[in-house]
N, C-alpha and C. Protein backbone atom coordinates (compact mmCIF):
# COMPACT_ATOMS: atom_id res chain seq x y z
N MET A 1 -5.70 -37.61 103.41
CA MET A 1 -5.51 -36.98 102.11
C MET A 1 -4.06 -37.14 101.70
N ASN A 2 -3.84 -37.41 100.46
CA ASN A 2 -2.48 -37.53 99.95
C ASN A 2 -1.83 -36.15 99.89
N PRO A 3 -0.51 -36.09 100.02
CA PRO A 3 0.19 -34.80 100.08
C PRO A 3 -0.14 -33.85 98.93
N ASN A 4 -0.33 -34.40 97.72
CA ASN A 4 -0.61 -33.53 96.57
C ASN A 4 -2.10 -33.35 96.33
N GLY A 5 -2.93 -33.92 97.21
CA GLY A 5 -4.37 -33.76 97.08
C GLY A 5 -5.02 -34.68 96.08
N VAL A 6 -4.28 -35.62 95.51
CA VAL A 6 -4.80 -36.53 94.49
C VAL A 6 -4.87 -37.94 95.07
N THR A 7 -6.00 -38.61 94.88
CA THR A 7 -6.14 -39.99 95.31
C THR A 7 -5.56 -40.91 94.25
N ARG A 8 -4.63 -41.79 94.65
CA ARG A 8 -4.01 -42.72 93.71
C ARG A 8 -4.82 -44.01 93.63
N ASN A 9 -4.71 -44.68 92.49
CA ASN A 9 -5.24 -46.02 92.35
C ASN A 9 -4.25 -46.99 92.95
N TRP A 10 -4.75 -48.11 93.49
CA TRP A 10 -3.86 -49.10 94.08
C TRP A 10 -3.15 -49.86 92.97
N VAL A 11 -1.84 -49.96 93.07
CA VAL A 11 -1.03 -50.75 92.15
C VAL A 11 0.07 -51.43 92.96
N VAL A 12 0.64 -52.48 92.39
CA VAL A 12 1.73 -53.23 93.02
C VAL A 12 3.02 -52.43 92.94
N ARG A 13 3.89 -52.62 93.92
CA ARG A 13 5.22 -52.01 94.01
C ARG A 13 5.16 -50.49 94.22
N GLN A 14 4.23 -50.06 95.05
CA GLN A 14 4.13 -48.65 95.42
C GLN A 14 4.31 -48.53 96.93
N GLN A 15 4.93 -47.45 97.35
CA GLN A 15 4.99 -47.17 98.78
C GLN A 15 3.71 -46.46 99.18
N TRP A 16 3.10 -46.91 100.27
CA TRP A 16 1.90 -46.28 100.81
C TRP A 16 2.21 -45.82 102.22
N LEU A 17 1.96 -44.55 102.48
CA LEU A 17 2.20 -43.98 103.79
C LEU A 17 0.89 -43.93 104.57
N GLU A 18 0.99 -44.04 105.88
CA GLU A 18 -0.19 -43.95 106.72
C GLU A 18 -0.91 -42.63 106.43
N GLY A 19 -2.22 -42.71 106.22
CA GLY A 19 -3.02 -41.52 105.95
C GLY A 19 -3.28 -41.26 104.48
N GLU A 20 -2.56 -41.94 103.59
CA GLU A 20 -2.80 -41.76 102.15
C GLU A 20 -4.07 -42.50 101.73
N GLU A 21 -4.79 -41.89 100.80
CA GLU A 21 -6.01 -42.49 100.28
C GLU A 21 -5.74 -43.24 99.00
N CYS A 22 -6.55 -44.27 98.77
CA CYS A 22 -6.39 -45.14 97.61
C CYS A 22 -7.76 -45.43 97.02
N GLY A 23 -7.86 -45.35 95.71
CA GLY A 23 -9.10 -45.67 95.03
C GLY A 23 -9.00 -46.99 94.29
N VAL A 24 -10.07 -47.78 94.36
CA VAL A 24 -10.14 -49.06 93.64
C VAL A 24 -11.41 -49.05 92.80
N TRP A 25 -11.25 -49.09 91.48
CA TRP A 25 -12.38 -49.09 90.55
C TRP A 25 -12.93 -50.50 90.43
N VAL A 26 -14.24 -50.65 90.60
CA VAL A 26 -14.92 -51.94 90.45
C VAL A 26 -15.82 -51.80 89.23
N ALA A 27 -15.33 -52.30 88.09
CA ALA A 27 -16.02 -52.11 86.82
C ALA A 27 -17.42 -52.71 86.82
N LYS A 28 -17.57 -53.88 87.43
CA LYS A 28 -18.87 -54.55 87.45
C LYS A 28 -19.94 -53.68 88.10
N GLU A 29 -19.55 -52.94 89.13
CA GLU A 29 -20.48 -52.06 89.84
C GLU A 29 -20.44 -50.62 89.32
N LYS A 30 -19.45 -50.31 88.49
CA LYS A 30 -19.24 -48.96 87.98
C LYS A 30 -19.13 -47.95 89.12
N VAL A 31 -18.27 -48.29 90.08
CA VAL A 31 -18.09 -47.46 91.27
C VAL A 31 -16.65 -47.60 91.75
N SER A 32 -16.16 -46.56 92.41
CA SER A 32 -14.84 -46.61 93.04
C SER A 32 -15.01 -46.76 94.55
N TYR A 33 -14.17 -47.59 95.12
CA TYR A 33 -14.12 -47.75 96.58
C TYR A 33 -12.92 -46.97 97.07
N LEU A 34 -13.10 -46.16 98.09
CA LEU A 34 -12.03 -45.33 98.62
C LEU A 34 -11.59 -45.89 99.98
N TYR A 35 -10.27 -46.08 100.12
CA TYR A 35 -9.68 -46.62 101.34
C TYR A 35 -8.61 -45.65 101.82
N ILE A 36 -8.27 -45.75 103.12
CA ILE A 36 -7.17 -44.98 103.68
C ILE A 36 -6.16 -45.96 104.27
N CYS A 37 -4.89 -45.68 104.02
CA CYS A 37 -3.81 -46.53 104.52
C CYS A 37 -3.67 -46.33 106.03
N ILE A 38 -3.64 -47.44 106.77
CA ILE A 38 -3.50 -47.36 108.23
C ILE A 38 -2.17 -47.93 108.71
N LEU A 39 -1.35 -48.47 107.78
CA LEU A 39 -0.04 -49.00 108.14
C LEU A 39 0.88 -48.85 106.93
N GLU A 40 1.96 -48.08 107.08
CA GLU A 40 2.89 -47.84 105.97
C GLU A 40 3.41 -49.17 105.42
N HIS A 41 3.48 -49.28 104.09
CA HIS A 41 3.94 -50.52 103.46
C HIS A 41 4.23 -50.29 101.98
N TYR A 42 4.88 -51.28 101.38
CA TYR A 42 5.03 -51.35 99.93
C TYR A 42 4.02 -52.37 99.43
N SER A 43 3.25 -52.01 98.43
CA SER A 43 2.18 -52.88 97.96
C SER A 43 2.73 -54.09 97.21
N ASP A 44 2.04 -55.20 97.40
CA ASP A 44 2.31 -56.42 96.65
C ASP A 44 0.97 -57.11 96.41
N GLY A 45 0.97 -58.30 95.94
CA GLY A 45 -0.28 -58.98 95.62
C GLY A 45 -1.10 -59.42 96.82
N THR A 46 -0.58 -59.22 98.03
CA THR A 46 -1.29 -59.71 99.22
C THR A 46 -1.81 -58.61 100.14
N ASN A 47 -1.41 -57.38 99.95
CA ASN A 47 -1.75 -56.35 100.94
C ASN A 47 -2.56 -55.18 100.38
N GLY A 48 -3.24 -55.41 99.29
CA GLY A 48 -4.10 -54.36 98.74
C GLY A 48 -5.45 -54.31 99.42
N PRO A 49 -6.18 -53.24 99.20
CA PRO A 49 -7.53 -53.16 99.74
C PRO A 49 -8.36 -54.35 99.24
N PRO A 50 -9.19 -54.91 100.06
CA PRO A 50 -9.66 -54.47 101.38
C PRO A 50 -8.91 -55.10 102.57
N ASN A 51 -7.64 -55.45 102.42
CA ASN A 51 -6.87 -56.05 103.51
C ASN A 51 -6.91 -55.13 104.73
N GLU A 52 -7.57 -55.57 105.78
CA GLU A 52 -7.82 -54.72 106.95
C GLU A 52 -6.58 -54.47 107.81
N THR A 53 -5.49 -55.17 107.55
CA THR A 53 -4.24 -54.88 108.25
C THR A 53 -3.66 -53.55 107.77
N PHE A 54 -3.87 -53.24 106.48
CA PHE A 54 -3.25 -52.07 105.87
C PHE A 54 -4.23 -50.97 105.48
N TRP A 55 -5.52 -51.29 105.36
CA TRP A 55 -6.49 -50.35 104.80
C TRP A 55 -7.77 -50.29 105.62
N ARG A 56 -8.37 -49.09 105.66
CA ARG A 56 -9.69 -48.91 106.25
C ARG A 56 -10.60 -48.34 105.17
N PHE A 57 -11.76 -48.94 105.00
CA PHE A 57 -12.73 -48.49 104.01
C PHE A 57 -13.30 -47.14 104.42
N LEU A 58 -13.37 -46.21 103.45
CA LEU A 58 -13.95 -44.89 103.71
C LEU A 58 -15.35 -44.75 103.11
N ARG A 59 -15.46 -45.00 101.79
CA ARG A 59 -16.76 -44.81 101.13
C ARG A 59 -16.70 -45.30 99.69
N LYS A 60 -17.89 -45.39 99.09
CA LYS A 60 -18.02 -45.65 97.66
C LYS A 60 -18.29 -44.33 96.96
N ASP A 61 -17.69 -44.14 95.79
CA ASP A 61 -17.93 -42.92 94.99
C ASP A 61 -18.50 -43.31 93.64
């Protein structure tokens, strides 16, 4: 869970701490995928979900 209790959407140039949750909206499916950060990092175009080095899939909402 994120410190403020709010799940953030994944965007580039953000710091992600281990344990923070991230939501990714998939418009085609009309569903959000929820991931948890497993390795602290700054996001760029190569390390967003579903990159298994940095993220673990939790569920679809």
